[in-house]
Amino acid sequence: MNKELKPTIVYVLASISVICCCFGGLGILFAAPAFIIANKRLKSADGSEYDYKSMNSAKIFALVLLIINGLHLLYTIYFFSNFDYWSEFLEGFREGLESQQ
């Protein structure tokens, strides 16, 4: 009987990164550790006494989410660097503060 590598933490971190992807690609903070953990566990497992199937699928899940979050983060950086929405936001915030005083 083969031992399982227990990919639960990898799935939890990767699932949290799906939710955080909506916030400008910040899910990369969860997807990267999930991929690293899965990769280290696969490398540290020795021989045929382990069942690699579940950890391989968790690693692929984490890698896909890492790529999606990375692309979304790059898009967010590009968006804020090339368009003037950030300064408009700060100007509106400043006007709101002045109107409250």
PDB file of N, CA and C in Angstrom:
ATOM      1  N   MET A   1       0.842  -1.177   0.000  1.00  0.00           N
ATOM      2  CA  MET A   1       0.000   0.000   0.000  1.00  0.00           C
ATOM      3  C   MET A   1       0.889   1.243   0.000  1.00  0.00           C
ATOM      4  N   ASN A   2       0.590   2.170  -0.880  1.00  0.00           N
ATOM      5  CA  ASN A   2       1.385   3.381  -1.017  1.00  0.00           C
ATOM      6  C   ASN A   2       0.934   4.463  -0.038  1.00  0.00           C
ATOM      7  N   LYS A   3       1.897   5.221   0.442  1.00  0.00           N
ATOM      8  CA  LYS A   3       1.594   6.355   1.314  1.00  0.00           C
ATOM      9  C   LYS A   3       1.189   7.541   0.452  1.00  0.00           C
ATOM     10  N   GLU A   4       0.343   8.390   1.006  1.00  0.00           N
ATOM     11  CA  GLU A   4      -0.073   9.584   0.291  1.00  0.00           C
ATOM     12  C   GLU A   4       0.754  10.765   0.782  1.00  0.00           C
ATOM     13  N   LEU A   5       1.010  11.730  -0.084  1.00  0.00           N
ATOM     14  CA  LEU A   5       1.824  12.892   0.276  1.00  0.00           C
ATOM     15  C   LEU A   5       1.018  14.017   0.928  1.00  0.00           C
ATOM     16  N   LYS A   6      -0.271  13.856   1.085  1.00  0.00           N
ATOM     17  CA  LYS A   6      -1.172  14.799   1.766  1.00  0.00           C
ATOM     18  C   LYS A   6      -1.070  16.221   1.198  1.00  0.00           C
ATOM     19  N   PRO A   7      -1.723  16.474   0.079  1.00  0.00           N
ATOM     20  CA  PRO A   7      -1.646  17.785  -0.575  1.00  0.00           C
ATOM     21  C   PRO A   7      -2.653  18.809  -0.059  1.00  0.00           C
ATOM     22  N   THR A   8      -3.196  18.613   1.126  1.00  0.00           N
ATOM     23  CA  THR A   8      -4.259  19.483   1.629  1.00  0.00           C
ATOM     24  C   THR A   8      -3.821  20.943   1.716  1.00  0.00           C
ATOM     25  N   ILE A   9      -2.654  21.212   2.277  1.00  0.00           N
ATOM     26  CA  ILE A   9      -2.197  22.596   2.431  1.00  0.00           C
ATOM     27  C   ILE A   9      -1.983  23.265   1.078  1.00  0.00           C
ATOM     28  N   VAL A  10      -1.548  22.498   0.105  1.00  0.00           N
ATOM     29  CA  VAL A  10      -1.345  23.052  -1.240  1.00  0.00           C
ATOM     30  C   VAL A  10      -2.687  23.458  -1.838  1.00  0.00           C
ATOM     31  N   TYR A  11      -3.693  22.599  -1.682  1.00  0.00           N
ATOM     32  CA  TYR A  11      -5.024  22.928  -2.192  1.00  0.00           C
ATOM     33  C   TYR A  11      -5.636  24.124  -1.460  1.00  0.00           C
ATOM     34  N   VAL A  12      -5.429  24.215  -0.169  1.00  0.00           N
ATOM     35  CA  VAL A  12      -5.983  25.337   0.606  1.00  0.00           C
ATOM     36  C   VAL A  12      -5.348  26.653   0.162  1.00  0.00           C
ATOM     37  N   LEU A  13      -4.029  26.691   0.058  1.00  0.00           N
ATOM     38  CA  LEU A  13      -3.353  27.916  -0.366  1.00  0.00           C
ATOM     39  C   LEU A  13      -3.732  28.299  -1.798  1.00  0.00           C
ATOM     40  N   ALA A  14      -3.819  27.326  -2.668  1.00  0.00           N
ATOM     41  CA  ALA A  14      -4.181  27.605  -4.056  1.00  0.00           C
ATOM     42  C   ALA A  14      -5.623  28.098  -4.152  1.00  0.00           C
ATOM     43  N   SER A  15      -6.505  27.547  -3.347  1.00  0.00           N
ATOM     44  CA  SER A  15      -7.900  27.995  -3.365  1.00  0.00           C
ATOM     45  C   SER A  15      -8.036  29.412  -2.834  1.00  0.00           C
ATOM     46  N   ILE A  16      -7.271  29.763  -1.834  1.00  0.00           N
ATOM     47  CA  ILE A  16      -7.285  31.139  -1.335  1.00  0.00           C
ATOM     48  C   ILE A  16      -6.762  32.094  -2.400  1.00  0.00           C
ATOM     49  N   SER A  17      -5.800  31.638  -3.195  1.00  0.00           N
ATOM     50  CA  SER A  17      -5.258  32.505  -4.238  1.00  0.00           C
ATOM     51  C   SER A  17      -6.280  32.780  -5.334  1.00  0.00           C
ATOM     52  N   VAL A  18      -7.246  31.876  -5.519  1.00  0.00           N
ATOM     53  CA  VAL A  18      -8.314  32.133  -6.487  1.00  0.00           C
ATOM     54  C   VAL A  18      -9.138  33.336  -6.040  1.00  0.00           C
ATOM     55  N   ILE A  19      -9.438  33.399  -4.765  1.00  0.00           N
ATOM     56  CA  ILE A  19     -10.220  34.510  -4.225  1.00  0.00           C
ATOM     57  C   ILE A  19      -9.424  35.809  -4.289  1.00  0.00           C
ATOM     58  N   CYS A  20      -8.145  35.739  -3.960  1.00  0.00           N
ATOM     59  CA  CYS A  20      -7.314  36.939  -3.936  1.00  0.00           C
ATOM     60  C   CYS A  20      -6.918  37.415  -5.327  1.00  0.00           C
ATOM     61  N   CYS A  21      -7.144  36.621  -6.339  1.00  0.00           N
ATOM     62  CA  CYS A  21      -6.829  37.021  -7.706  1.00  0.00           C
ATOM     63  C   CYS A  21      -7.636  38.249  -8.114  1.00  0.00           C
ATOM     64  N   CYS A  22      -8.809  38.394  -7.543  1.00  0.00           N
ATOM     65  CA  CYS A  22      -9.678  39.522  -7.879  1.00  0.00           C
ATOM     66  C   CYS A  22      -9.112  40.850  -7.376  1.00  0.00           C
ATOM     67  N   PHE A  23      -8.151  40.816  -6.499  1.00  0.00           N
ATOM     68  CA  PHE A  23      -7.585  42.027  -5.923  1.00  0.00           C
ATOM     69  C   PHE A  23      -6.251  42.373  -6.558  1.00  0.00           C
ATOM     70  N   GLY A  24      -6.223  42.499  -7.853  1.00  0.00           N
ATOM     71  CA  GLY A  24      -5.030  42.941  -8.563  1.00  0.00           C
ATOM     72  C   GLY A  24      -3.942  41.897  -8.647  1.00  0.00           C
ATOM     73  N   GLY A  25      -4.267  40.646  -8.577  1.00  0.00           N
ATOM     74  CA  GLY A  25      -3.263  39.597  -8.692  1.00  0.00           C
ATOM     75  C   GLY A  25      -2.526  39.304  -7.405  1.00  0.00           C
ATOM     76  N   LEU A  26      -3.061  39.731  -6.283  1.00  0.00           N
ATOM     77  CA  LEU A  26      -2.392  39.484  -5.007  1.00  0.00           C
ATOM     78  C   LEU A  26      -2.453  38.027  -4.576  1.00  0.00           C
ATOM     79  N   GLY A  27      -3.182  37.227  -5.301  1.00  0.00           N
ATOM     80  CA  GLY A  27      -3.229  35.804  -5.021  1.00  0.00           C
ATOM     81  C   GLY A  27      -1.903  35.114  -5.250  1.00  0.00           C
ATOM     82  N   ILE A  28      -0.987  35.828  -5.897  1.00  0.00           N
ATOM     83  CA  ILE A  28       0.356  35.283  -6.115  1.00  0.00           C
ATOM     84  C   ILE A  28       1.058  35.039  -4.780  1.00  0.00           C
ATOM     85  N   LEU A  29       0.637  35.764  -3.749  1.00  0.00           N
ATOM     86  CA  LEU A  29       1.226  35.580  -2.417  1.00  0.00           C
ATOM     87  C   LEU A  29       0.841  34.232  -1.814  1.00  0.00           C
ATOM     88  N   PHE A  30      -0.228  33.617  -2.307  1.00  0.00           N
ATOM     89  CA  PHE A  30      -0.647  32.298  -1.830  1.00  0.00           C
ATOM     90  C   PHE A  30      -0.312  31.199  -2.832  1.00  0.00           C
ATOM     91  N   ALA A  31      -0.356  31.534  -4.124  1.00  0.00           N
ATOM     92  CA  ALA A  31      -0.102  30.524  -5.159  1.00  0.00           C
ATOM     93  C   ALA A  31       1.371  30.132  -5.208  1.00  0.00           C
ATOM     94  N   ALA A  32       2.261  31.091  -5.011  1.00  0.00           N
ATOM     95  CA  ALA A  32       3.699  30.785  -5.061  1.00  0.00           C
ATOM     96  C   ALA A  32       4.111  29.825  -3.937  1.00  0.00           C
ATOM     97  N   PRO A  33       3.736  30.091  -2.679  1.00  0.00           N
ATOM     98  CA  PRO A  33       4.078  29.110  -1.631  1.00  0.00           C
ATOM     99  C   PRO A  33       3.436  27.739  -1.855  1.00  0.00           C
ATOM    100  N   ALA A  34       2.225  27.717  -2.405  1.00  0.00           N
ATOM    101  CA  ALA A  34       1.570  26.432  -2.675  1.00  0.00           C
ATOM    102  C   ALA A  34       2.380  25.635  -3.691  1.00  0.00           C
ATOM    103  N   PHE A  35       2.844  26.291  -4.736  1.00  0.00           N
ATOM    104  CA  PHE A  35       3.645  25.603  -5.753  1.00  0.00           C
ATOM    105  C   PHE A  35       4.984  25.157  -5.178  1.00  0.00           C
ATOM    106  N   ILE A  36       5.600  25.998  -4.373  1.00  0.00           N
ATOM    107  CA  ILE A  36       6.898  25.658  -3.781  1.00  0.00           C
ATOM    108  C   ILE A  36       6.770  24.469  -2.825  1.00  0.00           C
ATOM    109  N   ILE A  37       5.721  24.470  -2.014  1.00  0.00           N
ATOM    110  CA  ILE A  37       5.507  23.354  -1.080  1.00  0.00           C
ATOM    111  C   ILE A  37       5.290  22.054  -1.851  1.00  0.00           C
ATOM    112  N   ALA A  38       4.463  22.107  -2.886  1.00  0.00           N
ATOM    113  CA  ALA A  38       4.192  20.900  -3.673  1.00  0.00           C
ATOM    114  C   ALA A  38       5.464  20.400  -4.349  1.00  0.00           C
ATOM    115  N   ASN A  39       6.240  21.308  -4.874  1.00  0.00           N
ATOM    116  CA  ASN A  39       7.478  20.928  -5.551  1.00  0.00           C
ATOM    117  C   ASN A  39       8.477  20.300  -4.574  1.00  0.00           C
ATOM    118  N   LYS A  40       8.613  20.889  -3.383  1.00  0.00           N
ATOM    119  CA  LYS A  40       9.546  20.349  -2.386  1.00  0.00           C
ATOM    120  C   LYS A  40       9.109  18.977  -1.890  1.00  0.00           C
ATOM    121  N   ARG A  41       7.815  18.800  -1.687  1.00  0.00           N
ATOM    122  CA  ARG A  41       7.328  17.497  -1.209  1.00  0.00           C
ATOM    123  C   ARG A  41       7.530  16.413  -2.256  1.00  0.00           C
ATOM    124  N   LEU A  42       7.350  16.772  -3.520  1.00  0.00           N
ATOM    125  CA  LEU A  42       7.570  15.782  -4.577  1.00  0.00           C
ATOM    126  C   LEU A  42       9.049  15.419  -4.691  1.00  0.00           C
ATOM    127  N   LYS A  43       9.921  16.412  -4.528  1.00  0.00           N
ATOM    128  CA  LYS A  43      11.359  16.133  -4.616  1.00  0.00           C
ATOM    129  C   LYS A  43      11.862  15.347  -3.405  1.00  0.00           C
ATOM    130  N   SER A  44      11.274  15.606  -2.230  1.00  0.00           N
ATOM    131  CA  SER A  44      11.755  14.926  -1.034  1.00  0.00           C
ATOM    132  C   SER A  44      11.218  13.496  -0.910  1.00  0.00           C
ATOM    133  N   ALA A  45      10.135  13.203  -1.625  1.00  0.00           N
ATOM    134  CA  ALA A  45       9.582  11.836  -1.582  1.00  0.00           C
ATOM    135  C   ALA A  45      10.539  10.898  -2.303  1.00  0.00           C
ATOM    136  N   ASP A  46      10.760   9.771  -1.701  1.00  0.00           N
ATOM    137  CA  ASP A  46      11.738   8.850  -2.280  1.00  0.00           C
ATOM    138  C   ASP A  46      11.068   7.554  -2.728  1.00  0.00           C
ATOM    139  N   GLY A  47      11.411   7.128  -3.896  1.00  0.00           N
ATOM    140  CA  GLY A  47      11.010   5.806  -4.366  1.00  0.00           C
ATOM    141  C   GLY A  47       9.543   5.638  -4.678  1.00  0.00           C
ATOM    142  N   SER A  48       9.135   4.422  -4.718  1.00  0.00           N
ATOM    143  CA  SER A  48       7.786   4.083  -5.156  1.00  0.00           C
ATOM    144  C   SER A  48       6.828   3.845  -3.999  1.00  0.00           C
ATOM    145  N   GLU A  49       7.231   4.165  -2.803  1.00  0.00           N
ATOM    146  CA  GLU A  49       6.328   3.926  -1.673  1.00  0.00           C
ATOM    147  C   GLU A  49       5.290   5.033  -1.510  1.00  0.00           C
ATOM    148  N   TYR A  50       5.378   6.097  -2.312  1.00  0.00           N
ATOM    149  CA  TYR A  50       4.437   7.205  -2.224  1.00  0.00           C
ATOM    150  C   TYR A  50       3.525   7.231  -3.447  1.00  0.00           C
ATOM    151  N   ASP A  51       2.320   7.739  -3.239  1.00  0.00           N
ATOM    152  CA  ASP A  51       1.378   7.945  -4.323  1.00  0.00           C
ATOM    153  C   ASP A  51       1.520   9.398  -4.792  1.00  0.00           C
ATOM    154  N   TYR A  52       2.082   9.587  -5.957  1.00  0.00           N
ATOM    155  CA  TYR A  52       2.383  10.920  -6.467  1.00  0.00           C
ATOM    156  C   TYR A  52       1.201  11.575  -7.166  1.00  0.00           C
ATOM    157  N   LYS A  53       0.165  10.834  -7.447  1.00  0.00           N
ATOM    158  CA  LYS A  53      -0.932  11.332  -8.267  1.00  0.00           C
ATOM    159  C   LYS A  53      -1.609  12.557  -7.652  1.00  0.00           C
ATOM    160  N   SER A  54      -1.938  12.502  -6.380  1.00  0.00           N
ATOM    161  CA  SER A  54      -2.648  13.611  -5.747  1.00  0.00           C
ATOM    162  C   SER A  54      -1.766  14.846  -5.621  1.00  0.00           C
ATOM    163  N   MET A  55      -0.480  14.656  -5.301  1.00  0.00           N
ATOM    164  CA  MET A  55       0.405  15.812  -5.183  1.00  0.00           C
ATOM    165  C   MET A  55       0.718  16.413  -6.542  1.00  0.00           C
ATOM    166  N   ASN A  56       0.798  15.598  -7.575  1.00  0.00           N
ATOM    167  CA  ASN A  56       1.019  16.132  -8.919  1.00  0.00           C
ATOM    168  C   ASN A  56      -0.150  16.993  -9.368  1.00  0.00           C
ATOM    169  N   SER A  57      -1.364  16.561  -9.090  1.00  0.00           N
ATOM    170  CA  SER A  57      -2.522  17.366  -9.466  1.00  0.00           C
ATOM    171  C   SER A  57      -2.573  18.659  -8.655  1.00  0.00           C
ATOM    172  N   ALA A  58      -2.180  18.617  -7.389  1.00  0.00           N
ATOM    173  CA  ALA A  58      -2.132  19.833  -6.570  1.00  0.00           C
ATOM    174  C   ALA A  58      -1.059  20.783  -7.097  1.00  0.00           C
ATOM    175  N   LYS A  59       0.060  20.228  -7.530  1.00  0.00           N
ATOM    176  CA  LYS A  59       1.139  21.052  -8.078  1.00  0.00           C
ATOM    177  C   LYS A  59       0.699  21.735  -9.378  1.00  0.00           C
ATOM    178  N   ILE A  60       0.000  21.010 -10.222  1.00  0.00           N
ATOM    179  CA  ILE A  60      -0.488  21.590 -11.474  1.00  0.00           C
ATOM    180  C   ILE A  60      -1.530  22.669 -11.188  1.00  0.00           C
ATOM    181  N   PHE A  61      -2.415  22.421 -10.234  1.00  0.00           N
ATOM    182  CA  PHE A  61      -3.416  23.410  -9.825  1.00  0.00           C
ATOM    183  C   PHE A  61      -2.737  24.684  -9.326  1.00  0.00           C
ATOM    184  N   ALA A  62      -1.725  24.540  -8.491  1.00  0.00           N
ATOM    185  CA  ALA A  62      -0.997  25.694  -7.964  1.00  0.00           C
ATOM    186  C   ALA A  62      -0.245  26.420  -9.076  1.00  0.00           C
ATOM    187  N   LEU A  63       0.324  25.679 -10.018  1.00  0.00           N
ATOM    188  CA  LEU A  63       1.064  26.302 -11.125  1.00  0.00           C
ATOM    189  C   LEU A  63       0.135  27.104 -12.022  1.00  0.00           C
ATOM    190  N   VAL A  64      -1.028  26.565 -12.325  1.00  0.00           N
ATOM    191  CA  VAL A  64      -1.989  27.291 -13.158  1.00  0.00           C
ATOM    192  C   VAL A  64      -2.422  28.576 -12.464  1.00  0.00           C
ATOM    193  N   LEU A  65      -2.702  28.496 -11.181  1.00  0.00           N
ATOM    194  CA  LEU A  65      -3.109  29.698 -10.448  1.00  0.00           C
ATOM    195  C   LEU A  65      -1.960  30.683 -10.296  1.00  0.00           C
ATOM    196  N   LEU A  66      -0.750  30.190 -10.194  1.00  0.00           N
ATOM    197  CA  LEU A  66       0.413  31.075 -10.136  1.00  0.00           C
ATOM    198  C   LEU A  66       0.548  31.855 -11.441  1.00  0.00           C
ATOM    199  N   ILE A  67       0.348  31.192 -12.552  1.00  0.00           N
ATOM    200  CA  ILE A  67       0.433  31.862 -13.853  1.00  0.00           C
ATOM    201  C   ILE A  67      -0.692  32.882 -14.017  1.00  0.00           C
ATOM    202  N   ILE A  68      -1.908  32.492 -13.656  1.00  0.00           N
ATOM    203  CA  ILE A  68      -3.049  33.410 -13.775  1.00  0.00           C
ATOM    204  C   ILE A  68      -2.850  34.636 -12.893  1.00  0.00           C
ATOM    205  N   ASN A  69      -2.437  34.433 -11.646  1.00  0.00           N
ATOM    206  CA  ASN A  69      -2.218  35.560 -10.735  1.00  0.00           C
ATOM    207  C   ASN A  69      -1.057  36.425 -11.191  1.00  0.00           C
ATOM    208  N   GLY A  70      -0.011  35.807 -11.711  1.00  0.00           N
ATOM    209  CA  GLY A  70       1.127  36.576 -12.212  1.00  0.00           C
ATOM    210  C   GLY A  70       0.737  37.448 -13.387  1.00  0.00           C
ATOM    211  N   LEU A  71      -0.041  36.902 -14.314  1.00  0.00           N
ATOM    212  CA  LEU A  71      -0.497  37.696 -15.457  1.00  0.00           C
ATOM    213  C   LEU A  71      -1.415  38.824 -15.019  1.00  0.00           C
ATOM    214  N   HIS A  72      -2.281  38.530 -14.054  1.00  0.00           N
ATOM    215  CA  HIS A  72      -3.181  39.578 -13.564  1.00  0.00           C
ATOM    216  C   HIS A  72      -2.411  40.663 -12.817  1.00  0.00           C
ATOM    217  N   LEU A  73      -1.386  40.287 -12.087  1.00  0.00           N
ATOM    218  CA  LEU A  73      -0.548  41.273 -11.397  1.00  0.00           C
ATOM    219  C   LEU A  73       0.198  42.141 -12.405  1.00  0.00           C
ATOM    220  N   LEU A  74       0.739  41.535 -13.445  1.00  0.00           N
ATOM    221  CA  LEU A  74       1.421  42.311 -14.489  1.00  0.00           C
ATOM    222  C   LEU A  74       0.460  43.263 -15.187  1.00  0.00           C
ATOM    223  N   TYR A  75      -0.755  42.798 -15.456  1.00  0.00           N
ATOM    224  CA  TYR A  75      -1.754  43.667 -16.071  1.00  0.00           C
ATOM    225  C   TYR A  75      -2.090  44.840 -15.156  1.00  0.00           C
ATOM    226  N   THR A  76      -2.232  44.580 -13.865  1.00  0.00           N
ATOM    227  CA  THR A  76      -2.551  45.647 -12.920  1.00  0.00           C
ATOM    228  C   THR A  76      -1.429  46.679 -12.855  1.00  0.00           C
ATOM    229  N   ILE A  77      -0.179  46.216 -12.833  1.00  0.00           N
ATOM    230  CA  ILE A  77       0.956  47.140 -12.823  1.00  0.00           C
ATOM    231  C   ILE A  77       0.983  47.960 -14.101  1.00  0.00           C
ATOM    232  N   TYR A  78       0.758  47.301 -15.236  1.00  0.00           N
ATOM    233  CA  TYR A  78       0.727  48.005 -16.517  1.00  0.00           C
ATOM    234  C   TYR A  78      -0.393  49.033 -16.544  1.00  0.00           C
ATOM    235  N   PHE A  79      -1.562  48.654 -16.056  1.00  0.00           N
ATOM    236  CA  PHE A  79      -2.714  49.536 -16.067  1.00  0.00           C
ATOM    237  C   PHE A  79      -2.455  50.800 -15.258  1.00  0.00           C
ATOM    238  N   PHE A  80      -1.937  50.637 -14.040  1.00  0.00           N
ATOM    239  CA  PHE A  80      -1.707  51.802 -13.191  1.00  0.00           C
ATOM    240  C   PHE A  80      -0.509  52.627 -13.638  1.00  0.00           C
ATOM    241  N   SER A  81       0.432  52.025 -14.352  1.00  0.00           N
ATOM    242  CA  SER A  81       1.586  52.799 -14.787  1.00  0.00           C
ATOM    243  C   SER A  81       1.314  53.581 -16.065  1.00  0.00           C
ATOM    244  N   ASN A  82       0.401  53.103 -16.897  1.00  0.00           N
ATOM    245  CA  ASN A  82       0.167  53.771 -18.171  1.00  0.00           C
ATOM    246  C   ASN A  82      -1.057  54.667 -18.200  1.00  0.00           C
ATOM    247  N   PHE A  83      -1.925  54.531 -17.275  1.00  0.00           N
ATOM    248  CA  PHE A  83      -3.121  55.351 -17.253  1.00  0.00           C
ATOM    249  C   PHE A  83      -3.114  56.199 -15.995  1.00  0.00           C
ATOM    250  N   ASP A  84      -3.826  57.296 -16.039  1.00  0.00           N
ATOM    251  CA  ASP A  84      -3.752  58.282 -14.968  1.00  0.00           C
ATOM    252  C   ASP A  84      -4.888  58.124 -13.960  1.00  0.00           C
ATOM    253  N   TYR A  85      -5.369  56.910 -13.758  1.00  0.00           N
ATOM    254  CA  TYR A  85      -6.481  56.703 -12.851  1.00  0.00           C
ATOM    255  C   TYR A  85      -6.078  56.852 -11.389  1.00  0.00           C
ATOM    256  N   TRP A  86      -4.846  56.521 -11.062  1.00  0.00           N
ATOM    257  CA  TRP A  86      -4.414  56.596  -9.673  1.00  0.00           C
ATOM    258  C   TRP A  86      -4.391  58.038  -9.190  1.00  0.00           C
ATOM    259  N   SER A  87      -3.873  58.956 -10.004  1.00  0.00           N
ATOM    260  CA  SER A  87      -3.837  60.360  -9.592  1.00  0.00           C
ATOM    261  C   SER A  87      -5.248  60.942  -9.545  1.00  0.00           C
ATOM    262  N   GLU A  88      -6.135  60.492 -10.445  1.00  0.00           N
ATOM    263  CA  GLU A  88      -7.523  60.943 -10.379  1.00  0.00           C
ATOM    264  C   GLU A  88      -8.196  60.444  -9.097  1.00  0.00           C
ATOM    265  N   PHE A  89      -7.894  59.224  -8.712  1.00  0.00           N
ATOM    266  CA  PHE A  89      -8.441  58.677  -7.475  1.00  0.00           C
ATOM    267  C   PHE A  89      -7.964  59.488  -6.278  1.00  0.00           C
ATOM    268  N   LEU A  90      -6.665  59.790  -6.237  1.00  0.00           N
ATOM    269  CA  LEU A  90      -6.129  60.569  -5.118  1.00  0.00           C
ATOM    270  C   LEU A  90      -6.700  61.983  -5.100  1.00  0.00           C
ATOM    271  N   GLU A  91      -6.904  62.574  -6.263  1.00  0.00           N
ATOM    272  CA  GLU A  91      -7.486  63.908  -6.325  1.00  0.00           C
ATOM    273  C   GLU A  91      -8.930  63.892  -5.810  1.00  0.00           C
ATOM    274  N   GLY A  92      -9.704  62.908  -6.193  1.00  0.00           N
ATOM    275  CA  GLY A  92     -11.070  62.778  -5.694  1.00  0.00           C
ATOM    276  C   GLY A  92     -11.105  62.529  -4.198  1.00  0.00           C
ATOM    277  N   PHE A  93     -10.149  61.732  -3.699  1.00  0.00           N
ATOM    278  CA  PHE A  93     -10.064  61.481  -2.270  1.00  0.00           C
ATOM    279  C   PHE A  93      -9.731  62.763  -1.516  1.00  0.00           C
ATOM    280  N   ARG A  94      -8.807  63.543  -2.053  1.00  0.00           N
ATOM    281  CA  ARG A  94      -8.422  64.810  -1.417  1.00  0.00           C
ATOM    282  C   ARG A  94      -9.605  65.784  -1.407  1.00  0.00           C
ATOM    283  N   GLU A  95     -10.346  65.845  -2.506  1.00  0.00           N
ATOM    284  CA  GLU A  95     -11.514  66.729  -2.560  1.00  0.00           C
ATOM    285  C   GLU A  95     -12.576  66.284  -1.552  1.00  0.00           C
ATOM    286  N   GLY A  96     -12.745  64.988  -1.396  1.00  0.00           N
ATOM    287  CA  GLY A  96     -13.690  64.482  -0.403  1.00  0.00           C
ATOM    288  C   GLY A  96     -13.287  64.843   1.011  1.00  0.00           C
ATOM    289  N   LEU A  97     -12.001  64.776   1.294  1.00  0.00           N
ATOM    290  CA  LEU A  97     -11.520  65.167   2.631  1.00  0.00           C
ATOM    291  C   LEU A  97     -11.730  66.662   2.869  1.00  0.00           C
ATOM    292  N   GLU A  98     -11.475  67.486   1.853  1.00  0.00           N
ATOM    293  CA  GLU A  98     -11.642  68.925   1.996  1.00  0.00           C
ATOM    294  C   GLU A  98     -13.110  69.304   2.184  1.00  0.00           C
ATOM    295  N   SER A  99     -14.012  68.569   1.521  1.00  0.00           N
ATOM    296  CA  SER A  99     -15.430  68.873   1.668  1.00  0.00           C
ATOM    297  C   SER A  99     -15.951  68.489   3.060  1.00  0.00           C
ATOM    298  N   GLN A 100     -15.303  67.547   3.721  1.00  0.00           N
ATOM    299  CA  GLN A 100     -15.708  67.142   5.067  1.00  0.00           C
ATOM    300  C   GLN A 100     -15.254  68.143   6.125  1.00  0.00           C
ATOM    301  N   GLN A 101     -14.271  68.946   5.819  1.00  0.00           N
ATOM    302  CA  GLN A 101     -13.747  69.899   6.827  1.00  0.00           C
ATOM    303  C   GLN A 101     -14.468  71.173   6.838  1.00  0.00           C
TER     304      GLN A 101
END
